[in-house]
Each structure stands twice: as C-alpha cells, then as structure tokens.
Amino acid sequence: MEFRQLRYFTAVATELHFGRAAEKMCVSQPALSQQIQLLEKELQVALFDPHQRLRQRRVVLTEAGTAFLAKAQQLIQLHQEAIDAVRLVGARPQTLGLGYYQLLRPERLAGIVQCFAQHCPEVQFQLHEFPNYQAVQQALVAGRIAVGLTMLPLMHPSLTARPFGQGELVVALPAAHPLAAAEAVFLEDLAHEKWVEISRNLHPVYDEIEQLCQRAGFSRQGAIVQEASSLELLGHFVGLGIGVAFVPSFFDMGTMPRVVTRPLRVANGAPVTLTQCVAFRAAQSGLLSPALAQCCGVT
C-alpha cells in the first residue's frame, strides 16, 4: 500500500466524485480510478459501492469504506504532524558552544562572534569563559564546546586551528625607567627588575615566560611584587612605578598614563611571538569552514 493511495482514497471519499477528486489531487481520472482499484485489490474489500456507481453513477462508500476512511484520515494527519515536527526541528538554529579565555580582549571576542554570525547564520553560539587558553583547549577535547578562541601551541593532536591574530610580547615600563628610551629591551636586561604580573591562574603564557627568563639566566620567582586580574589594572600598577610587566602587543597601552612599551628581544634578537587562533575538532571543520575562511585572517 502506497501512501498516495490513502490520499487518493480520502479525496474521493470526501468529494464523492472521481472527477473532482482527480482535479484536487492533480492527477488524471483514469489514473485515480486505477489506484483505487489497486487499493481495493490489496485490501480484498470494496471501498465504494460498485452497484451505485454503475447503475446510478453515484459514489457511495461501503461500510468497509466508511471504517477505512476514519483510519486513513488519522494516518494522513499523523504523517503531516511528523513532517511539521521534523521541519520545525530543522528550522531551529544549531547551537554550538564557543569558548574563550578570560584575558582575550573584548573587541577580539566581539569581532569573531559578529563574523561568525554573518557567515554562519544557521548557527547560534553559546559563549563559555575559561580562565586561560589551555582550559579552552581542554574543553574542546572533552567535547564541552565546539569552537575555542585560544592561543598556539595546540596541546592536543585531535585539534586543528586557524589563526586570527598575531602579535608579540612587549615590555611595559614606567615612563621614568632607564630602559624606557631603548629601541628594544633584551630579556637579560630585566634580570634584576621587580615585576607586576597577571594572576597565574589567569595568565595565558605564564610558564612559557618563566622558561624564557630561566634561559636568559634568571627567574622571576620572588620578584613578582604585585598581581593583577586584568591587563588594564596591570598597566596602572606599572604606571605607578610598582614594577615592570610583560604584555601582549594585542593590548594597546598607549592610553595608560606614565607607561611606555618597548619590543622584547631574546638572546638571538628574535621577538617572542603570540598567535591567537580559532581551534576546533576536525569533525566541526565542514560546518565552520565558510566562517573560518572569512573570520580568521591573521592581523
């Protein structure tokens, strides 16, 4: 039994006229009559009184036809409800979790979210904040989020990434500091400084910086005299002369009073690069590729 046969039958049963039913169903009358015959043959029962139709040219349901009409209408209703339900689910925007680390600049976050909204309008992103970029990557691997705004390097081989921002580590100095006029500051020149630093649990690259300092022959352990919970607060502490600080060039300290920034160089004269990226699991790459192509140009 084909579903279209049920629709043909209910059309004839409600119109009580083969011609009008055929017109309603957009089929020819002979084709409609043939399908009704096939349905009756399969059911092994007459649905319409053959004598009434032959002798009086009237379409009259048999008792079996009347009983079958009620069931057929129920099936058609259920069929339509199933279609409507599936279409409703399909029309809902897909929701994906987007994680970011706490010290990511708000304008960076807003720009990426806006770009995704423009190029993936069928997707809604639910934002999740994490204390540092490593926690973002851990959440990706665990499947708690689908997309993460994080930093290189990637800590897990199951992740892939597209850069969206690249900068350097610079040194923030009080304006009166002896190194404030230097073209660039070498790491070993900072061995005896006092430091202002972001709280370790929020710091994106605390351990990496400590390793660089140790290779330059010193450690900042015991020399960090003030911790801050934000880059803005860190900048103000530097301006007060409390200490010097490392900050990413992503963050513009030009508006901070009594603070200057200078490029940082390690022993070979190379900068310390920082790369922000959108990271995701390989399974999400197909869904996100249109937006990634537009939103992840390195700047």
C-alpha atoms as a PDB file:
ATOM      1  CA  MET A   1       0.000   0.000   0.000  1.00  0.00           C
ATOM      2  CA  GLU A   2       1.362   3.359  -1.003  1.00  0.00           C
ATOM      3  CA  PHE A   3       0.699   6.490   0.984  1.00  0.00           C
ATOM      4  CA  ARG A   4      -0.527   8.307  -2.120  1.00  0.00           C
ATOM      5  CA  GLN A   5      -3.288   5.697  -2.413  1.00  0.00           C
ATOM      6  CA  LEU A   6      -4.572   6.720   1.003  1.00  0.00           C
ATOM      7  CA  ARG A   7      -4.632  10.341  -0.115  1.00  0.00           C
ATOM      8  CA  TYR A   8      -6.439   9.435  -3.353  1.00  0.00           C
ATOM      9  CA  PHE A   9      -8.976   7.379  -1.437  1.00  0.00           C
ATOM     10  CA  THR A  10      -9.739  10.117   1.113  1.00  0.00           C
ATOM     11  CA  ALA A  11     -10.111  12.649  -1.691  1.00  0.00           C
ATOM     12  CA  VAL A  12     -12.719  10.501  -3.448  1.00  0.00           C
ATOM     13  CA  ALA A  13     -14.416   9.606  -0.150  1.00  0.00           C
ATOM     14  CA  THR A  14     -14.785  13.253   0.866  1.00  0.00           C
ATOM     15  CA  GLU A  15     -15.647  14.653  -2.577  1.00  0.00           C
ATOM     16  CA  LEU A  16     -17.824  11.628  -3.501  1.00  0.00           C
ATOM     17  CA  HIS A  17     -16.875  12.366  -7.086  1.00  0.00           C
ATOM     18  CA  PHE A  18     -13.944  10.872  -9.023  1.00  0.00           C
ATOM     19  CA  GLY A  19     -13.615  13.848 -11.359  1.00  0.00           C
ATOM     20  CA  ARG A  20     -13.416  16.457  -8.623  1.00  0.00           C
ATOM     21  CA  ALA A  21     -11.094  14.239  -6.568  1.00  0.00           C
ATOM     22  CA  ALA A  22      -8.755  13.802  -9.552  1.00  0.00           C
ATOM     23  CA  GLU A  23      -8.671  17.551 -10.110  1.00  0.00           C
ATOM     24  CA  LYS A  24      -7.985  18.135  -6.418  1.00  0.00           C
ATOM     25  CA  MET A  25      -5.100  15.655  -6.427  1.00  0.00           C
ATOM     26  CA  CYS A  26      -3.723  16.936  -9.762  1.00  0.00           C
ATOM     27  CA  VAL A  27      -3.934  13.542 -11.480  1.00  0.00           C
ATOM     28  CA  SER A  28      -5.987  12.202 -14.342  1.00  0.00           C
ATOM     29  CA  GLN A  29      -9.264  10.498 -13.515  1.00  0.00           C
ATOM     30  CA  PRO A  30      -8.237   7.141 -15.084  1.00  0.00           C
ATOM     31  CA  ALA A  31      -5.038   7.129 -13.016  1.00  0.00           C
ATOM     32  CA  LEU A  32      -7.005   7.905  -9.862  1.00  0.00           C
ATOM     33  CA  SER A  33      -9.528   5.143 -10.576  1.00  0.00           C
ATOM     34  CA  GLN A  34      -6.716   2.670 -11.201  1.00  0.00           C
ATOM     35  CA  GLN A  35      -5.090   3.433  -7.857  1.00  0.00           C
ATOM     36  CA  ILE A  36      -8.394   2.979  -6.026  1.00  0.00           C
ATOM     37  CA  GLN A  37      -8.826  -0.394  -7.731  1.00  0.00           C
ATOM     38  CA  LEU A  38      -5.313  -1.451  -6.705  1.00  0.00           C
ATOM     39  CA  LEU A  39      -6.046  -0.384  -3.124  1.00  0.00           C
ATOM     40  CA  GLU A  40      -9.277  -2.377  -3.022  1.00  0.00           C
ATOM     41  CA  LYS A  41      -7.495  -5.387  -4.512  1.00  0.00           C
ATOM     42  CA  GLU A  42      -4.820  -5.234  -1.822  1.00  0.00           C
ATOM     43  CA  LEU A  43      -7.392  -4.817   0.946  1.00  0.00           C
ATOM     44  CA  GLN A  44      -9.589  -7.505  -0.613  1.00  0.00           C
ATOM     45  CA  VAL A  45     -12.669  -5.418   0.055  1.00  0.00           C
ATOM     46  CA  ALA A  46     -14.771  -2.905  -1.877  1.00  0.00           C
ATOM     47  CA  LEU A  47     -14.453   0.598  -0.519  1.00  0.00           C
ATOM     48  CA  PHE A  48     -17.074   2.115  -2.815  1.00  0.00           C
ATOM     49  CA  ASP A  49     -20.398   0.502  -3.729  1.00  0.00           C
ATOM     50  CA  PRO A  50     -19.899  -0.771  -7.327  1.00  0.00           C
ATOM     51  CA  HIS A  51     -23.625  -1.109  -7.996  1.00  0.00           C
ATOM     52  CA  GLN A  52     -24.373   2.506  -7.056  1.00  0.00           C
ATOM     53  CA  ARG A  53     -21.597   3.699  -9.298  1.00  0.00           C
ATOM     54  CA  LEU A  54     -22.572   1.546 -12.289  1.00  0.00           C
ATOM     55  CA  ARG A  55     -26.344   1.898 -12.137  1.00  0.00           C
ATOM     56  CA  GLN A  56     -26.845   5.365 -10.668  1.00  0.00           C
ATOM     57  CA  ARG A  57     -23.425   6.889 -11.338  1.00  0.00           C
ATOM     58  CA  ARG A  58     -23.168   7.761  -7.687  1.00  0.00           C
ATOM     59  CA  VAL A  59     -20.071   7.418  -5.476  1.00  0.00           C
ATOM     60  CA  VAL A  60     -21.126   5.822  -2.216  1.00  0.00           C
ATOM     61  CA  LEU A  61     -18.874   4.404   0.475  1.00  0.00           C
ATOM     62  CA  THR A  62     -19.413   0.857   1.627  1.00  0.00           C
ATOM     63  CA  GLU A  63     -19.452   0.055   5.326  1.00  0.00           C
ATOM     64  CA  ALA A  64     -15.845  -1.082   4.997  1.00  0.00           C
ATOM     65  CA  GLY A  65     -15.030   2.120   3.131  1.00  0.00           C
ATOM     66  CA  THR A  66     -16.503   4.267   5.888  1.00  0.00           C
ATOM     67  CA  ALA A  67     -14.451   2.441   8.520  1.00  0.00           C
ATOM     68  CA  PHE A  68     -11.295   2.681   6.396  1.00  0.00           C
ATOM     69  CA  LEU A  69     -11.817   6.421   5.790  1.00  0.00           C
ATOM     70  CA  ALA A  70     -11.540   7.199   9.514  1.00  0.00           C
ATOM     71  CA  LYS A  71      -8.278   5.261   9.796  1.00  0.00           C
ATOM     72  CA  ALA A  72      -6.876   6.729   6.582  1.00  0.00           C
ATOM     73  CA  GLN A  73      -7.564  10.269   7.784  1.00  0.00           C
ATOM     74  CA  GLN A  74      -5.782   9.503  11.059  1.00  0.00           C
ATOM     75  CA  LEU A  75      -2.753   8.183   9.169  1.00  0.00           C
ATOM     76  CA  ILE A  76      -2.645  11.245   6.922  1.00  0.00           C
ATOM     77  CA  GLN A  77      -2.878  13.515   9.953  1.00  0.00           C
ATOM     78  CA  LEU A  78      -0.038  11.666  11.692  1.00  0.00           C
ATOM     79  CA  HIS A  79       2.011  11.851   8.506  1.00  0.00           C
ATOM     80  CA  GLN A  80       1.573  15.619   8.320  1.00  0.00           C
ATOM     81  CA  GLU A  81       2.340  16.059  12.005  1.00  0.00           C
ATOM     82  CA  ALA A  82       5.582  14.124  11.543  1.00  0.00           C
ATOM     83  CA  ILE A  83       6.560  16.341   8.605  1.00  0.00           C
ATOM     84  CA  ASP A  84       5.754  19.511  10.552  1.00  0.00           C
ATOM     85  CA  ALA A  85       7.733  18.329  13.582  1.00  0.00           C
ATOM     86  CA  VAL A  86      10.814  17.490  11.516  1.00  0.00           C
ATOM     87  CA  ARG A  87      10.661  20.786   9.655  1.00  0.00           C
ATOM     88  CA  LEU A  88      10.346  22.667  12.935  1.00  0.00           C
ATOM     89  CA  VAL A  89      13.457  20.981  14.320  1.00  0.00           C
ATOM     90  CA  GLY A  90      15.318  21.570  11.077  1.00  0.00           C
ATOM     91  CA  ALA A  91      14.404  25.242  11.117  1.00  0.00           C
ATOM     92  CA  ARG A  92      15.885  25.805  14.554  1.00  0.00           C
ATOM     93  CA  PRO A  93      19.366  27.347  14.548  1.00  0.00           C
ATOM     94  CA  GLN A  94      22.053  24.909  15.580  1.00  0.00           C
ATOM     95  CA  THR A  95      23.649  25.849  18.879  1.00  0.00           C
ATOM     96  CA  LEU A  96      27.388  25.411  19.335  1.00  0.00           C
ATOM     97  CA  GLY A  97      29.464  26.229  22.372  1.00  0.00           C
ATOM     98  CA  LEU A  98      32.188  28.828  21.788  1.00  0.00           C
ATOM     99  CA  GLY A  99      34.854  29.072  24.469  1.00  0.00           C
ATOM    100  CA  TYR A 100      37.340  31.860  25.076  1.00  0.00           C
ATOM    101  CA  TYR A 101      39.973  32.621  27.698  1.00  0.00           C
ATOM    102  CA  GLN A 102      39.338  35.375  30.216  1.00  0.00           C
ATOM    103  CA  LEU A 103      42.097  37.761  29.108  1.00  0.00           C
ATOM    104  CA  LEU A 104      41.020  37.754  25.466  1.00  0.00           C
ATOM    105  CA  ARG A 105      40.316  41.354  24.524  1.00  0.00           C
ATOM    106  CA  PRO A 106      36.554  42.058  24.367  1.00  0.00           C
ATOM    107  CA  GLU A 107      36.844  43.644  20.923  1.00  0.00           C
ATOM    108  CA  ARG A 108      38.547  40.495  19.611  1.00  0.00           C
ATOM    109  CA  LEU A 109      35.779  38.311  21.008  1.00  0.00           C
ATOM    110  CA  ALA A 110      33.045  40.597  19.682  1.00  0.00           C
ATOM    111  CA  GLY A 111      34.643  40.726  16.232  1.00  0.00           C
ATOM    112  CA  ILE A 112      34.888  36.944  15.916  1.00  0.00           C
ATOM    113  CA  VAL A 113      31.313  36.412  17.169  1.00  0.00           C
ATOM    114  CA  GLN A 114      29.981  39.029  14.754  1.00  0.00           C
ATOM    115  CA  CYS A 115      31.864  37.487  11.849  1.00  0.00           C
ATOM    116  CA  PHE A 116      30.557  34.006  12.646  1.00  0.00           C
ATOM    117  CA  ALA A 117      27.024  35.398  12.888  1.00  0.00           C
ATOM    118  CA  GLN A 118      27.360  36.897   9.403  1.00  0.00           C
ATOM    119  CA  HIS A 119      28.831  33.831   7.725  1.00  0.00           C
ATOM    120  CA  CYS A 120      27.088  31.062   9.707  1.00  0.00           C
ATOM    121  CA  PRO A 121      23.580  32.493  10.247  1.00  0.00           C
ATOM    122  CA  GLU A 122      22.196  28.985  10.805  1.00  0.00           C
ATOM    123  CA  VAL A 123      24.375  28.580  13.901  1.00  0.00           C
ATOM    124  CA  GLN A 124      23.903  30.180  17.305  1.00  0.00           C
ATOM    125  CA  PHE A 125      26.977  30.340  19.520  1.00  0.00           C
ATOM    126  CA  GLN A 126      26.698  29.947  23.276  1.00  0.00           C
ATOM    127  CA  LEU A 127      29.655  31.669  24.961  1.00  0.00           C
ATOM    128  CA  HIS A 128      31.727  29.961  27.662  1.00  0.00           C
ATOM    129  CA  GLU A 129      34.540  31.748  29.522  1.00  0.00           C
ATOM    130  CA  PHE A 130      37.608  29.836  30.736  1.00  0.00           C
ATOM    131  CA  PRO A 131      40.456  31.082  32.940  1.00  0.00           C
ATOM    132  CA  ASN A 132      43.229  30.503  30.376  1.00  0.00           C
ATOM    133  CA  TYR A 133      43.813  29.320  26.840  1.00  0.00           C
ATOM    134  CA  GLN A 134      44.861  25.821  27.931  1.00  0.00           C
ATOM    135  CA  ALA A 135      41.480  25.344  29.619  1.00  0.00           C
ATOM    136  CA  VAL A 136      39.773  26.289  26.338  1.00  0.00           C
ATOM    137  CA  GLN A 137      41.647  23.517  24.547  1.00  0.00           C
ATOM    138  CA  GLN A 138      40.840  21.016  27.292  1.00  0.00           C
ATOM    139  CA  ALA A 139      37.140  21.859  26.946  1.00  0.00           C
ATOM    140  CA  LEU A 140      37.379  21.295  23.184  1.00  0.00           C
ATOM    141  CA  VAL A 141      38.942  17.863  23.617  1.00  0.00           C
ATOM    142  CA  ALA A 142      36.322  16.932  26.221  1.00  0.00           C
ATOM    143  CA  GLY A 143      33.510  17.989  23.857  1.00  0.00           C
ATOM    144  CA  ARG A 144      32.112  20.653  26.190  1.00  0.00           C
ATOM    145  CA  ILE A 145      32.485  23.271  23.442  1.00  0.00           C
ATOM    146  CA  ALA A 146      32.719  23.035  19.651  1.00  0.00           C
ATOM    147  CA  VAL A 147      34.846  26.111  18.943  1.00  0.00           C
ATOM    148  CA  GLY A 148      37.548  27.738  21.041  1.00  0.00           C
ATOM    149  CA  LEU A 149      39.308  31.090  20.880  1.00  0.00           C
ATOM    150  CA  THR A 150      42.717  30.124  22.187  1.00  0.00           C
ATOM    151  CA  MET A 151      46.436  30.500  21.503  1.00  0.00           C
ATOM    152  CA  LEU A 152      49.127  28.454  19.858  1.00  0.00           C
ATOM    153  CA  PRO A 153      50.591  25.980  20.500  1.00  0.00           C
ATOM    154  CA  LEU A 154      47.823  23.406  20.402  1.00  0.00           C
ATOM    155  CA  MET A 155      48.242  20.945  23.245  1.00  0.00           C
ATOM    156  CA  HIS A 156      46.224  18.095  21.736  1.00  0.00           C
ATOM    157  CA  PRO A 157      46.736  16.334  18.378  1.00  0.00           C
ATOM    158  CA  SER A 158      42.971  15.993  17.876  1.00  0.00           C
ATOM    159  CA  LEU A 159      42.627  19.773  17.472  1.00  0.00           C
ATOM    160  CA  THR A 160      43.203  21.958  14.460  1.00  0.00           C
ATOM    161  CA  ALA A 161      43.286  25.746  14.310  1.00  0.00           C
ATOM    162  CA  ARG A 162      43.111  28.840  12.145  1.00  0.00           C
ATOM    163  CA  PRO A 163      44.970  31.983  13.330  1.00  0.00           C
ATOM    164  CA  PHE A 164      43.043  35.225  13.681  1.00  0.00           C
ATOM    165  CA  GLY A 165      45.566  37.441  15.456  1.00  0.00           C
ATOM    166  CA  GLN A 166      49.340  37.562  15.716  1.00  0.00           C
ATOM    167  CA  GLY A 167      51.457  39.814  17.880  1.00  0.00           C
ATOM    168  CA  GLU A 168      54.478  39.941  20.143  1.00  0.00           C
ATOM    169  CA  LEU A 169      55.318  40.065  23.802  1.00  0.00           C
ATOM    170  CA  VAL A 170      56.383  43.596  24.779  1.00  0.00           C
ATOM    171  CA  VAL A 171      57.712  45.117  27.976  1.00  0.00           C
ATOM    172  CA  ALA A 172      55.617  47.702  29.828  1.00  0.00           C
ATOM    173  CA  LEU A 173      57.834  50.123  31.747  1.00  0.00           C
ATOM    174  CA  PRO A 174      57.238  53.163  33.933  1.00  0.00           C
ATOM    175  CA  ALA A 175      57.898  56.246  31.810  1.00  0.00           C
ATOM    176  CA  ALA A 176      60.872  57.209  34.034  1.00  0.00           C
ATOM    177  CA  HIS A 177      62.543  53.798  33.755  1.00  0.00           C
ATOM    178  CA  PRO A 178      66.142  53.815  32.394  1.00  0.00           C
ATOM    179  CA  LEU A 179      65.143  51.386  29.611  1.00  0.00           C
ATOM    180  CA  ALA A 180      62.130  53.472  28.520  1.00  0.00           C
ATOM    181  CA  ALA A 181      64.169  55.161  25.788  1.00  0.00           C
ATOM    182  CA  ALA A 182      65.644  51.915  24.420  1.00  0.00           C
ATOM    183  CA  GLU A 183      64.704  50.861  20.902  1.00  0.00           C
ATOM    184  CA  ALA A 184      64.139  47.339  22.188  1.00  0.00           C
ATOM    185  CA  VAL A 185      64.695  45.582  25.510  1.00  0.00           C
ATOM    186  CA  PHE A 186      66.643  42.350  25.718  1.00  0.00           C
ATOM    187  CA  LEU A 187      65.371  39.806  28.184  1.00  0.00           C
ATOM    188  CA  GLU A 188      68.631  39.542  30.122  1.00  0.00           C
ATOM    189  CA  ASP A 189      68.487  43.305  30.814  1.00  0.00           C
ATOM    190  CA  LEU A 190      65.453  42.648  33.030  1.00  0.00           C
ATOM    191  CA  ALA A 191      67.123  40.173  35.369  1.00  0.00           C
ATOM    192  CA  HIS A 192      67.017  42.462  38.434  1.00  0.00           C
ATOM    193  CA  GLU A 193      63.617  44.072  37.944  1.00  0.00           C
ATOM    194  CA  LYS A 194      60.574  43.919  40.156  1.00  0.00           C
ATOM    195  CA  TRP A 195      57.514  42.639  38.341  1.00  0.00           C
ATOM    196  CA  VAL A 196      53.810  43.252  38.080  1.00  0.00           C
ATOM    197  CA  GLU A 197      52.074  40.182  36.704  1.00  0.00           C
ATOM    198  CA  ILE A 198      48.686  38.756  35.831  1.00  0.00           C
ATOM    199  CA  SER A 199      47.493  36.179  38.367  1.00  0.00           C
ATOM    200  CA  ARG A 200      48.990  32.846  37.398  1.00  0.00           C
ATOM    201  CA  ASN A 201      45.642  31.051  37.130  1.00  0.00           C
ATOM    202  CA  LEU A 202      44.540  33.620  34.504  1.00  0.00           C
ATOM    203  CA  HIS A 203      47.842  34.130  32.716  1.00  0.00           C
ATOM    204  CA  PRO A 204      47.867  32.763  29.159  1.00  0.00           C
ATOM    205  CA  VAL A 205      51.628  32.146  28.933  1.00  0.00           C
ATOM    206  CA  TYR A 206      52.995  32.348  32.495  1.00  0.00           C
ATOM    207  CA  ASP A 207      55.007  29.139  32.331  1.00  0.00           C
ATOM    208  CA  GLU A 208      56.351  29.928  28.865  1.00  0.00           C
ATOM    209  CA  ILE A 209      57.605  33.312  30.088  1.00  0.00           C
ATOM    210  CA  GLU A 210      59.260  31.735  33.107  1.00  0.00           C
ATOM    211  CA  GLN A 211      61.081  29.294  30.851  1.00  0.00           C
ATOM    212  CA  LEU A 212      62.328  32.176  28.679  1.00  0.00           C
ATOM    213  CA  CYS A 213      63.601  34.011  31.757  1.00  0.00           C
ATOM    214  CA  GLN A 214      65.417  30.941  33.033  1.00  0.00           C
ATOM    215  CA  ARG A 215      67.136  30.521  29.656  1.00  0.00           C
ATOM    216  CA  ALA A 216      68.224  34.161  29.970  1.00  0.00           C
ATOM    217  CA  GLY A 217      69.820  33.350  33.314  1.00  0.00           C
ATOM    218  CA  PHE A 218      67.276  34.485  35.912  1.00  0.00           C
ATOM    219  CA  SER A 219      63.920  33.650  37.486  1.00  0.00           C
ATOM    220  CA  ARG A 220      61.125  35.969  38.468  1.00  0.00           C
ATOM    221  CA  GLN A 221      60.195  33.821  41.437  1.00  0.00           C
ATOM    222  CA  GLY A 222      60.159  36.128  44.451  1.00  0.00           C
ATOM    223  CA  ALA A 223      60.460  39.216  42.250  1.00  0.00           C
ATOM    224  CA  ILE A 224      56.739  39.460  41.392  1.00  0.00           C
ATOM    225  CA  VAL A 225      55.620  42.125  43.859  1.00  0.00           C
ATOM    226  CA  GLN A 226      52.086  42.729  42.603  1.00  0.00           C
ATOM    227  CA  GLU A 227      49.489  40.579  40.876  1.00  0.00           C
ATOM    228  CA  ALA A 228      46.626  41.923  38.749  1.00  0.00           C
ATOM    229  CA  SER A 229      43.408  40.378  37.459  1.00  0.00           C
ATOM    230  CA  SER A 230      43.308  42.351  34.194  1.00  0.00           C
ATOM    231  CA  LEU A 231      45.650  43.983  31.713  1.00  0.00           C
ATOM    232  CA  GLU A 232      44.134  47.378  32.483  1.00  0.00           C
ATOM    233  CA  LEU A 233      44.920  47.036  36.195  1.00  0.00           C
ATOM    234  CA  LEU A 234      48.384  45.711  35.387  1.00  0.00           C
ATOM    235  CA  GLY A 235      49.059  48.809  33.270  1.00  0.00           C
ATOM    236  CA  HIS A 236      48.014  51.141  36.062  1.00  0.00           C
ATOM    237  CA  PHE A 237      50.349  49.373  38.515  1.00  0.00           C
ATOM    238  CA  VAL A 238      53.235  49.791  36.065  1.00  0.00           C
ATOM    239  CA  GLY A 239      52.397  53.499  35.701  1.00  0.00           C
ATOM    240  CA  LEU A 240      52.634  53.872  39.474  1.00  0.00           C
ATOM    241  CA  GLY A 241      56.204  52.564  39.320  1.00  0.00           C
ATOM    242  CA  ILE A 242      55.491  49.360  41.237  1.00  0.00           C
ATOM    243  CA  GLY A 243      57.298  47.242  38.665  1.00  0.00           C
ATOM    244  CA  VAL A 244      57.655  46.287  35.008  1.00  0.00           C
ATOM    245  CA  ALA A 245      55.479  43.803  33.132  1.00  0.00           C
ATOM    246  CA  PHE A 246      55.197  41.684  30.043  1.00  0.00           C
ATOM    247  CA  VAL A 247      52.086  42.400  27.978  1.00  0.00           C
ATOM    248  CA  PRO A 248      50.907  41.214  24.563  1.00  0.00           C
ATOM    249  CA  SER A 249      51.049  43.735  21.729  1.00  0.00           C
ATOM    250  CA  PHE A 250      47.349  42.934  21.137  1.00  0.00           C
ATOM    251  CA  PHE A 251      46.654  45.183  24.116  1.00  0.00           C
ATOM    252  CA  ASP A 252      47.147  48.885  23.416  1.00  0.00           C
ATOM    253  CA  MET A 253      48.758  50.589  26.411  1.00  0.00           C
ATOM    254  CA  GLY A 254      49.017  53.915  24.604  1.00  0.00           C
ATOM    255  CA  THR A 255      46.243  55.369  26.765  1.00  0.00           C
ATOM    256  CA  MET A 256      47.860  54.319  30.047  1.00  0.00           C
ATOM    257  CA  PRO A 257      49.370  57.304  31.905  1.00  0.00           C
ATOM    258  CA  ARG A 258      53.104  57.175  32.658  1.00  0.00           C
ATOM    259  CA  VAL A 259      53.576  53.862  30.827  1.00  0.00           C
ATOM    260  CA  VAL A 260      55.714  53.093  27.783  1.00  0.00           C
ATOM    261  CA  THR A 261      56.082  49.798  25.951  1.00  0.00           C
ATOM    262  CA  ARG A 262      59.152  48.506  24.195  1.00  0.00           C
ATOM    263  CA  PRO A 263      59.646  45.436  21.973  1.00  0.00           C
ATOM    264  CA  LEU A 264      61.079  42.433  23.787  1.00  0.00           C
ATOM    265  CA  ARG A 265      64.005  40.532  22.315  1.00  0.00           C
ATOM    266  CA  VAL A 266      65.538  37.264  23.440  1.00  0.00           C
ATOM    267  CA  ALA A 267      69.249  36.450  23.219  1.00  0.00           C
ATOM    268  CA  ASN A 268      69.333  35.993  19.430  1.00  0.00           C
ATOM    269  CA  GLY A 269      67.445  39.235  18.876  1.00  0.00           C
ATOM    270  CA  ALA A 270      64.212  37.461  17.949  1.00  0.00           C
ATOM    271  CA  PRO A 271      60.791  38.609  19.182  1.00  0.00           C
ATOM    272  CA  VAL A 272      58.519  36.433  21.286  1.00  0.00           C
ATOM    273  CA  THR A 273      55.510  35.868  19.044  1.00  0.00           C
ATOM    274  CA  LEU A 274      51.982  35.211  20.258  1.00  0.00           C
ATOM    275  CA  THR A 275      49.345  33.745  17.956  1.00  0.00           C
ATOM    276  CA  GLN A 276      45.644  33.762  18.752  1.00  0.00           C
ATOM    277  CA  CYS A 277      43.557  31.215  16.895  1.00  0.00           C
ATOM    278  CA  VAL A 278      40.181  29.618  16.465  1.00  0.00           C
ATOM    279  CA  ALA A 279      40.554  25.960  17.413  1.00  0.00           C
ATOM    280  CA  PHE A 280      38.089  23.158  16.789  1.00  0.00           C
ATOM    281  CA  ARG A 281      37.828  19.417  16.431  1.00  0.00           C
ATOM    282  CA  ALA A 282      38.165  18.011  12.924  1.00  0.00           C
ATOM    283  CA  ALA A 283      34.514  16.915  12.955  1.00  0.00           C
ATOM    284  CA  GLN A 284      33.393  20.558  13.033  1.00  0.00           C
ATOM    285  CA  SER A 285      35.566  21.780  10.170  1.00  0.00           C
ATOM    286  CA  GLY A 286      32.907  21.271   7.465  1.00  0.00           C
ATOM    287  CA  LEU A 287      30.291  23.296   9.339  1.00  0.00           C
ATOM    288  CA  LEU A 288      32.672  26.099  10.228  1.00  0.00           C
ATOM    289  CA  SER A 289      34.781  26.350   7.070  1.00  0.00           C
ATOM    290  CA  PRO A 290      32.793  29.214   5.432  1.00  0.00           C
ATOM    291  CA  ALA A 291      33.102  31.356   8.537  1.00  0.00           C
ATOM    292  CA  LEU A 292      36.693  30.339   9.230  1.00  0.00           C
ATOM    293  CA  ALA A 293      37.724  31.446   5.775  1.00  0.00           C
ATOM    294  CA  GLN A 294      36.246  34.906   6.362  1.00  0.00           C
ATOM    295  CA  CYS A 295      36.922  35.433  10.058  1.00  0.00           C
ATOM    296  CA  CYS A 296      40.442  34.130  10.575  1.00  0.00           C
ATOM    297  CA  GLY A 297      42.754  36.344   8.587  1.00  0.00           C
ATOM    298  CA  VAL A 298      45.928  36.967  10.552  1.00  0.00           C
ATOM    299  CA  THR A 299      46.124  40.581  11.725  1.00  0.00           C
END
